[in-house]
C-alpha atoms as a PDB file:
ATOM      1  CA  MET A   1      83.433 135.665 104.768  1.00  0.00           C
ATOM      2  CA  THR A   2      84.111 132.466 106.696  1.00  0.00           C
ATOM      3  CA  LEU A   3      84.603 131.916 110.366  1.00  0.00           C
ATOM      4  CA  ARG A   4      88.071 130.500 109.786  1.00  0.00           C
ATOM      5  CA  THR A   5      89.425 134.034 109.300  1.00  0.00           C
ATOM      6  CA  SER A   6      87.109 135.933 111.642  1.00  0.00           C
ATOM      7  CA  PRO A   7      87.741 136.900 115.275  1.00  0.00           C
ATOM      8  CA  ASN A   8      84.036 136.384 115.940  1.00  0.00           C
ATOM      9  CA  PRO A   9      83.768 133.515 118.471  1.00  0.00           C
ATOM     10  CA  ASP A  10      80.407 132.480 117.012  1.00  0.00           C
ATOM     11  CA  ALA A  11      81.004 128.984 115.633  1.00  0.00           C
ATOM     12  CA  ARG A  12      78.031 128.859 113.282  1.00  0.00           C
ATOM     13  CA  ILE A  13      78.889 127.368 109.901  1.00  0.00           C
ATOM     14  CA  THR A  14      78.864 129.984 107.143  1.00  0.00           C
ATOM     15  CA  ASP A  15      80.446 127.774 104.470  1.00  0.00           C
ATOM     16  CA  ASP A  16      78.089 125.884 102.169  1.00  0.00           C
ATOM     17  CA  LEU A  17      78.137 122.235 103.268  1.00  0.00           C
ATOM     18  CA  SER A  18      75.156 121.188 101.158  1.00  0.00           C
ATOM     19  CA  MET A  19      75.322 118.034  99.054  1.00  0.00           C
ATOM     20  CA  ASP A  20      75.513 120.125  95.886  1.00  0.00           C
ATOM     21  CA  ALA A  21      78.400 122.274  97.158  1.00  0.00           C
ATOM     22  CA  LEU A  22      80.370 119.294  98.465  1.00  0.00           C
ATOM     23  CA  CYS A  23      79.923 117.405  95.202  1.00  0.00           C
ATOM     24  CA  ARG A  24      81.098 120.429  93.226  1.00  0.00           C
ATOM     25  CA  GLN A  25      84.241 120.416  95.354  1.00  0.00           C
ATOM     26  CA  MET A  26      84.598 116.701  94.720  1.00  0.00           C
ATOM     27  CA  LEU A  27      84.201 117.332  91.008  1.00  0.00           C
ATOM     28  CA  GLU A  28      86.951 119.941  91.039  1.00  0.00           C
ATOM     29  CA  ARG A  29      89.244 117.738  93.107  1.00  0.00           C
ATOM     30  CA  HIS A  30      88.846 114.776  90.743  1.00  0.00           C
ATOM     31  CA  ALA A  31      88.505 116.611  87.442  1.00  0.00           C
ATOM     32  CA  ASP A  32      91.267 114.473  85.942  1.00  0.00           C
ATOM     33  CA  THR A  33      89.337 111.214  86.443  1.00  0.00           C
ATOM     34  CA  ILE A  34      85.695 112.266  85.976  1.00  0.00           C
ATOM     35  CA  LYS A  35      84.865 112.129  82.274  1.00  0.00           C
ATOM     36  CA  VAL A  36      81.739 114.327  82.240  1.00  0.00           C
ATOM     37  CA  ARG A  37      82.814 117.755  81.009  1.00  0.00           C
ATOM     38  CA  LYS A  38      79.702 119.865  81.594  1.00  0.00           C
ATOM     39  CA  PRO A  39      80.130 121.086  85.195  1.00  0.00           C
ATOM     40  CA  ASP A  40      76.445 121.661  85.992  1.00  0.00           C
ATOM     41  CA  VAL A  41      75.391 118.293  84.576  1.00  0.00           C
ATOM     42  CA  ALA A  42      78.297 116.522  86.249  1.00  0.00           C
ATOM     43  CA  ALA A  43      77.640 118.101  89.662  1.00  0.00           C
ATOM     44  CA  ALA A  44      73.909 117.299  89.582  1.00  0.00           C
ATOM     45  CA  LYS A  45      74.484 113.652  88.671  1.00  0.00           C
ATOM     46  CA  LEU A  46      77.343 113.259  91.124  1.00  0.00           C
ATOM     47  CA  SER A  47      75.032 114.547  93.871  1.00  0.00           C
ATOM     48  CA  ARG A  48      72.491 111.862  92.935  1.00  0.00           C
ATOM     49  CA  ILE A  49      75.196 109.198  93.013  1.00  0.00           C
ATOM     50  CA  VAL A  50      76.635 110.238  96.379  1.00  0.00           C
ATOM     51  CA  GLU A  51      73.176 110.599  97.959  1.00  0.00           C
ATOM     52  CA  SER A  52      72.359 107.088  96.747  1.00  0.00           C
ATOM     53  CA  VAL A  53      75.619 105.593  97.987  1.00  0.00           C
ATOM     54  CA  LEU A  54      75.275 107.163 101.443  1.00  0.00           C
ATOM     55  CA  ARG A  55      71.647 106.096 101.741  1.00  0.00           C
ATOM     56  CA  LEU A  56      72.174 102.518 100.500  1.00  0.00           C
ATOM     57  CA  SER A  57      75.395 102.047 102.465  1.00  0.00           C
ATOM     58  CA  ASN A  58      73.907 103.313 105.720  1.00  0.00           C
ATOM     59  CA  ARG A  59      71.025 100.880 105.184  1.00  0.00           C
ATOM     60  CA  ASN A  60      72.826  97.797 103.828  1.00  0.00           C
ATOM     61  CA  GLY A  61      76.573  98.441 104.170  1.00  0.00           C
ATOM     62  CA  PHE A  62      78.919  99.695 101.486  1.00  0.00           C
ATOM     63  CA  HIS A  63      80.323  96.292 100.529  1.00  0.00           C
ATOM     64  CA  ALA A  64      76.818  94.844 100.195  1.00  0.00           C
ATOM     65  CA  THR A  65      75.883  97.686  97.836  1.00  0.00           C
ATOM     66  CA  SER A  66      76.682  96.877  94.204  1.00  0.00           C
ATOM     67  CA  MET A  67      77.206  99.152  91.245  1.00  0.00           C
ATOM     68  CA  ARG A  68      73.936  97.770  89.884  1.00  0.00           C
ATOM     69  CA  ASP A  69      72.157  98.818  93.105  1.00  0.00           C
ATOM     70  CA  ILE A  70      73.506 102.350  92.695  1.00  0.00           C
ATOM     71  CA  ALA A  71      72.497 102.443  89.041  1.00  0.00           C
ATOM     72  CA  ASN A  72      68.964 101.267  89.817  1.00  0.00           C
ATOM     73  CA  ASP A  73      68.596 103.714  92.703  1.00  0.00           C
ATOM     74  CA  THR A  74      69.843 106.731  90.727  1.00  0.00           C
ATOM     75  CA  GLY A  75      68.249 105.851  87.421  1.00  0.00           C
ATOM     76  CA  LEU A  76      71.643 106.124  85.723  1.00  0.00           C
ATOM     77  CA  SER A  77      73.110 103.533  83.402  1.00  0.00           C
ATOM     78  CA  MET A  78      76.188 101.531  84.368  1.00  0.00           C
ATOM     79  CA  GLY A  79      78.085 103.476  81.717  1.00  0.00           C
ATOM     80  CA  GLY A  80      76.872 106.696  83.298  1.00  0.00           C
ATOM     81  CA  LEU A  81      78.289 105.620  86.659  1.00  0.00           C
ATOM     82  CA  TYR A  82      81.636 104.652  85.158  1.00  0.00           C
ATOM     83  CA  ALA A  83      81.957 108.160  83.751  1.00  0.00           C
ATOM     84  CA  TYR A  84      82.500 109.302  87.363  1.00  0.00           C
ATOM     85  CA  PHE A  85      84.586 106.481  88.833  1.00  0.00           C
ATOM     86  CA  ASP A  86      86.071 103.216  87.656  1.00  0.00           C
ATOM     87  CA  CYS A  87      85.017 101.137  90.682  1.00  0.00           C
ATOM     88  CA  LYS A  88      83.341 101.365  94.091  1.00  0.00           C
ATOM     89  CA  GLU A  89      86.682 101.712  95.844  1.00  0.00           C
ATOM     90  CA  THR A  90      87.427 104.881  93.880  1.00  0.00           C
ATOM     91  CA  LEU A  91      84.057 106.315  94.899  1.00  0.00           C
ATOM     92  CA  LEU A  92      84.782 105.334  98.516  1.00  0.00           C
ATOM     93  CA  ALA A  93      88.081 107.236  98.368  1.00  0.00           C
ATOM     94  CA  MET A  94      86.329 110.291  96.884  1.00  0.00           C
ATOM     95  CA  VAL A  95      83.688 110.355  99.628  1.00  0.00           C
ATOM     96  CA  LEU A  96      86.214 109.789 102.406  1.00  0.00           C
ATOM     97  CA  GLU A  97      88.511 112.512 101.100  1.00  0.00           C
ATOM     98  CA  THR A  98      85.593 114.947 101.057  1.00  0.00           C
ATOM     99  CA  VAL A  99      84.816 114.189 104.709  1.00  0.00           C
ATOM    100  CA  ILE A 100      88.463 114.530 105.751  1.00  0.00           C
ATOM    101  CA  SER A 101      89.215 117.694 103.780  1.00  0.00           C
ATOM    102  CA  THR A 102      86.044 119.385 105.039  1.00  0.00           C
ATOM    103  CA  ALA A 103      86.819 118.536 108.665  1.00  0.00           C
ATOM    104  CA  THR A 104      90.367 119.823 108.255  1.00  0.00           C
ATOM    105  CA  ALA A 105      89.146 123.091 106.761  1.00  0.00           C
ATOM    106  CA  GLN A 106      86.383 123.644 109.325  1.00  0.00           C
ATOM    107  CA  LEU A 107      88.421 122.987 112.467  1.00  0.00           C
ATOM    108  CA  ILE A 108      90.827 125.894 112.081  1.00  0.00           C
ATOM    109  CA  LEU A 109      90.484 128.283 115.001  1.00  0.00           C
ATOM    110  CA  PRO A 110      89.738 131.956 114.449  1.00  0.00           C
ATOM    111  CA  PRO A 111      92.390 134.239 115.941  1.00  0.00           C
ATOM    112  CA  ALA A 112      92.353 135.999 119.299  1.00  0.00           C
ATOM    113  CA  LEU A 113      89.962 133.744 121.223  1.00  0.00           C
ATOM    114  CA  PRO A 114      90.652 133.008 124.919  1.00  0.00           C
ATOM    115  CA  ILE A 115      91.552 129.373 125.586  1.00  0.00           C
ATOM    116  CA  LYS A 116      88.198 128.447 127.165  1.00  0.00           C
ATOM    117  CA  ASP A 117      86.400 130.012 124.201  1.00  0.00           C
ATOM    118  CA  GLN A 118      88.690 128.157 121.793  1.00  0.00           C
ATOM    119  CA  LEU A 119      87.688 124.780 123.204  1.00  0.00           C
ATOM    120  CA  ALA A 120      83.993 125.719 123.247  1.00  0.00           C
ATOM    121  CA  TRP A 121      84.304 127.027 119.681  1.00  0.00           C
ATOM    122  CA  LEU A 122      85.899 123.803 118.449  1.00  0.00           C
ATOM    123  CA  ILE A 123      83.291 121.613 120.139  1.00  0.00           C
ATOM    124  CA  GLN A 124      80.383 123.573 118.725  1.00  0.00           C
ATOM    125  CA  ARG A 125      82.029 123.836 115.321  1.00  0.00           C
ATOM    126  CA  HIS A 126      82.547 120.073 115.137  1.00  0.00           C
ATOM    127  CA  ILE A 127      78.955 119.346 116.127  1.00  0.00           C
ATOM    128  CA  LEU A 128      77.494 121.878 113.693  1.00  0.00           C
ATOM    129  CA  MET A 129      79.676 120.502 110.896  1.00  0.00           C
ATOM    130  CA  THR A 130      78.561 116.927 111.508  1.00  0.00           C
ATOM    131  CA  GLU A 131      74.946 118.101 111.807  1.00  0.00           C
ATOM    132  CA  ALA A 132      75.222 119.593 108.317  1.00  0.00           C
ATOM    133  CA  MET A 133      76.942 116.450 106.975  1.00  0.00           C
ATOM    134  CA  THR A 134      75.319 113.718 109.086  1.00  0.00           C
ATOM    135  CA  GLU A 135      75.055 111.115 106.312  1.00  0.00           C
ATOM    136  CA  TRP A 136      78.677 111.641 105.271  1.00  0.00           C
ATOM    137  CA  PHE A 137      80.045 111.209 108.796  1.00  0.00           C
ATOM    138  CA  VAL A 138      77.789 108.256 109.633  1.00  0.00           C
ATOM    139  CA  PHE A 139      79.047 106.567 106.467  1.00  0.00           C
ATOM    140  CA  ALA A 140      82.703 107.176 107.375  1.00  0.00           C
ATOM    141  CA  TYR A 141      82.144 106.002 110.962  1.00  0.00           C
ATOM    142  CA  LEU A 142      80.204 102.828 110.150  1.00  0.00           C
ATOM    143  CA  GLU A 143      82.324 101.743 107.201  1.00  0.00           C
ATOM    144  CA  ALA A 144      85.771 102.543 108.631  1.00  0.00           C
ATOM    145  CA  LYS A 145      86.529  98.990 109.796  1.00  0.00           C
ATOM    146  CA  SER A 146      85.866  97.553 106.348  1.00  0.00           C
ATOM    147  CA  PHE A 147      87.755 100.195 104.365  1.00  0.00           C
ATOM    148  CA  PRO A 148      90.631  98.945 102.190  1.00  0.00           C
ATOM    149  CA  PRO A 149      93.980  99.370 104.000  1.00  0.00           C
ATOM    150  CA  GLU A 150      94.888 102.689 102.369  1.00  0.00           C
ATOM    151  CA  GLN A 151      91.528 104.314 103.139  1.00  0.00           C
ATOM    152  CA  ARG A 152      91.448 102.821 106.645  1.00  0.00           C
ATOM    153  CA  ALA A 153      94.869 104.262 107.394  1.00  0.00           C
ATOM    154  CA  ARG A 154      93.769 107.634 106.047  1.00  0.00           C
ATOM    155  CA  ALA A 155      90.646 107.598 108.239  1.00  0.00           C
ATOM    156  CA  VAL A 156      92.669 106.721 111.353  1.00  0.00           C
ATOM    157  CA  GLN A 157      95.173 109.464 110.551  1.00  0.00           C
ATOM    158  CA  SER A 158      92.363 111.986 110.139  1.00  0.00           C
ATOM    159  CA  GLU A 159      90.851 111.013 113.488  1.00  0.00           C
ATOM    160  CA  MET A 160      94.214 111.486 115.168  1.00  0.00           C
ATOM    161  CA  GLU A 161      94.640 114.872 113.504  1.00  0.00           C
ATOM    162  CA  THR A 162      91.247 115.970 114.825  1.00  0.00           C
ATOM    163  CA  GLU A 163      92.129 114.821 118.336  1.00  0.00           C
ATOM    164  CA  THR A 164      95.395 116.739 118.102  1.00  0.00           C
ATOM    165  CA  VAL A 165      93.539 119.972 117.298  1.00  0.00           C
ATOM    166  CA  PHE A 166      91.634 119.627 120.583  1.00  0.00           C
ATOM    167  CA  ALA A 167      94.696 118.397 122.470  1.00  0.00           C
ATOM    168  CA  LYS A 168      96.732 121.463 121.517  1.00  0.00           C
ATOM    169  CA  VAL A 169      94.081 123.767 122.978  1.00  0.00           C
ATOM    170  CA  ILE A 170      93.847 121.694 126.173  1.00  0.00           C
ATOM    171  CA  ASP A 171      97.630 121.614 126.475  1.00  0.00           C
ATOM    172  CA  GLN A 172      97.859 125.378 126.000  1.00  0.00           C
ATOM    173  CA  GLY A 173      95.176 125.813 128.644  1.00  0.00           C
ATOM    174  CA  ALA A 174      97.274 123.724 131.035  1.00  0.00           C
ATOM    175  CA  THR A 175     100.342 125.833 130.231  1.00  0.00           C
ATOM    176  CA  ASP A 176      98.328 128.970 130.976  1.00  0.00           C
ATOM    177  CA  LYS A 177      97.078 127.351 134.226  1.00  0.00           C
ATOM    178  CA  ILE A 178      93.471 127.555 133.049  1.00  0.00           C
ATOM    179  CA  TYR A 179      93.101 123.767 132.754  1.00  0.00           C
ATOM    180  CA  GLN A 180      94.412 120.907 134.856  1.00  0.00           C
ATOM    181  CA  THR A 181      95.507 117.837 132.941  1.00  0.00           C
ATOM    182  CA  ASP A 182      98.338 115.338 132.949  1.00  0.00           C
ATOM    183  CA  ASP A 183      97.594 114.090 129.415  1.00  0.00           C
ATOM    184  CA  ALA A 184      96.002 116.511 126.964  1.00  0.00           C
ATOM    185  CA  GLN A 185      96.017 113.962 124.125  1.00  0.00           C
ATOM    186  CA  LEU A 186      94.120 111.459 126.271  1.00  0.00           C
ATOM    187  CA  ASP A 187      91.570 114.093 127.284  1.00  0.00           C
ATOM    188  CA  ALA A 188      91.041 114.910 123.614  1.00  0.00           C
ATOM    189  CA  ALA A 189      90.632 111.202 122.840  1.00  0.00           C
ATOM    190  CA  LEU A 190      87.996 110.915 125.573  1.00  0.00           C
ATOM    191  CA  LEU A 191      86.189 113.942 124.169  1.00  0.00           C
ATOM    192  CA  LYS A 192      86.008 112.491 120.654  1.00  0.00           C
ATOM    193  CA  PRO A 193      83.300 109.839 121.369  1.00  0.00           C
ATOM    194  CA  LEU A 194      81.036 112.575 122.776  1.00  0.00           C
ATOM    195  CA  LEU A 195      81.390 114.470 119.506  1.00  0.00           C
ATOM    196  CA  GLN A 196      80.757 111.334 117.459  1.00  0.00           C
ATOM    197  CA  ASP A 197      77.682 110.441 119.495  1.00  0.00           C
ATOM    198  CA  TRP A 198      75.873 113.447 118.067  1.00  0.00           C
ATOM    199  CA  TYR A 199      75.713 111.975 114.569  1.00  0.00           C
ATOM    200  CA  VAL A 200      76.007 108.251 115.298  1.00  0.00           C
ATOM    201  CA  LYS A 201      73.047 108.304 117.732  1.00  0.00           C
ATOM    202  CA  ARG A 202      71.263 111.316 116.328  1.00  0.00           C
ATOM    203  CA  GLY A 203      67.812 109.876 117.000  1.00  0.00           C
ATOM    204  CA  LYS A 204      68.506 109.570 120.727  1.00  0.00           C
ATOM    205  CA  TRP A 205      69.312 113.252 121.056  1.00  0.00           C
ATOM    206  CA  ARG A 206      66.453 114.311 118.805  1.00  0.00           C
ATOM    207  CA  LYS A 207      64.016 112.518 121.128  1.00  0.00           C
ATOM    208  CA  ARG A 208      65.434 114.502 124.032  1.00  0.00           C
ATOM    209  CA  GLY A 209      64.757 117.689 122.115  1.00  0.00           C
ATOM    210  CA  LEU A 210      68.396 118.830 122.180  1.00  0.00           C
ATOM    211  CA  SER A 211      69.558 121.265 119.537  1.00  0.00           C
ATOM    212  CA  PRO A 212      73.131 121.004 118.213  1.00  0.00           C
ATOM    213  CA  GLU A 213      74.030 124.130 120.193  1.00  0.00           C
ATOM    214  CA  ALA A 214      72.511 122.766 123.422  1.00  0.00           C
ATOM    215  CA  TYR A 215      74.363 119.481 122.994  1.00  0.00           C
ATOM    216  CA  ALA A 216      77.599 121.375 122.359  1.00  0.00           C
ATOM    217  CA  ASP A 217      77.057 123.392 125.546  1.00  0.00           C
ATOM    218  CA  ARG A 218      76.581 120.198 127.588  1.00  0.00           C
ATOM    219  CA  VAL A 219      79.709 118.599 126.146  1.00  0.00           C
ATOM    220  CA  THR A 220      81.701 121.791 126.769  1.00  0.00           C
ATOM    221  CA  ALA A 221      80.498 121.947 130.369  1.00  0.00           C
ATOM    222  CA  MET A 222      81.525 118.309 130.924  1.00  0.00           C
ATOM    223  CA  ILE A 223      85.030 118.718 129.520  1.00  0.00           C
ATOM    224  CA  HIS A 224      85.531 121.988 131.386  1.00  0.00           C
ATOM    225  CA  ALA A 225      84.448 120.312 134.626  1.00  0.00           C
ATOM    226  CA  LYS A 226      86.907 117.485 133.975  1.00  0.00           C
ATOM    227  CA  LEU A 227      89.683 119.993 133.293  1.00  0.00           C
ATOM    228  CA  LYS A 228      88.627 122.039 136.344  1.00  0.00           C
ATOM    229  CA  ALA A 229      88.388 125.132 134.178  1.00  0.00           C
END
């Protein structure tokens, strides 16, 4: 059972967003290009590769991280790496697509929630998702400006799609006279940095002792106050 098909307004993540599960999805999605045919072996090694890339990139930057750096960090040979991708740009596309596809799948509202609960559900869902995938989202956020054109365009499109999910709820709330807004898309765009701040400046919020749920409640209260809910 997943929350995407449940009327339960609880936004806790029930899908497996662990590194192993996400890499198994990546393996299935790119089965035509990954040459390792034993699924368990392939998934375990791909997890090591992705963990290394996220760690090294968040420390040094993706473009400053070489294939040799990844090989040394994972203990795999260069040939072993090339069994999964032909170049760093291919790996970048694989990681980015995993982030985008997961966000798309997670931010689908359950049916029959009141508008105010829908917005609160989406905010908490987004924060809990990025809490579970902090390294993935930090990577996508920090590296976006230096992505190749195709990946950069895809990242921008994904960000706009996420904003639109929130904007549709805000717009419906305005139609139902629950919210007051003259630009739902702009309100959603202003909300987005608050959502991103949770994973980009995670240490700041950890020092304040805020849980993901408490942070989500504060963000929800702020946007509801702005919308005069």
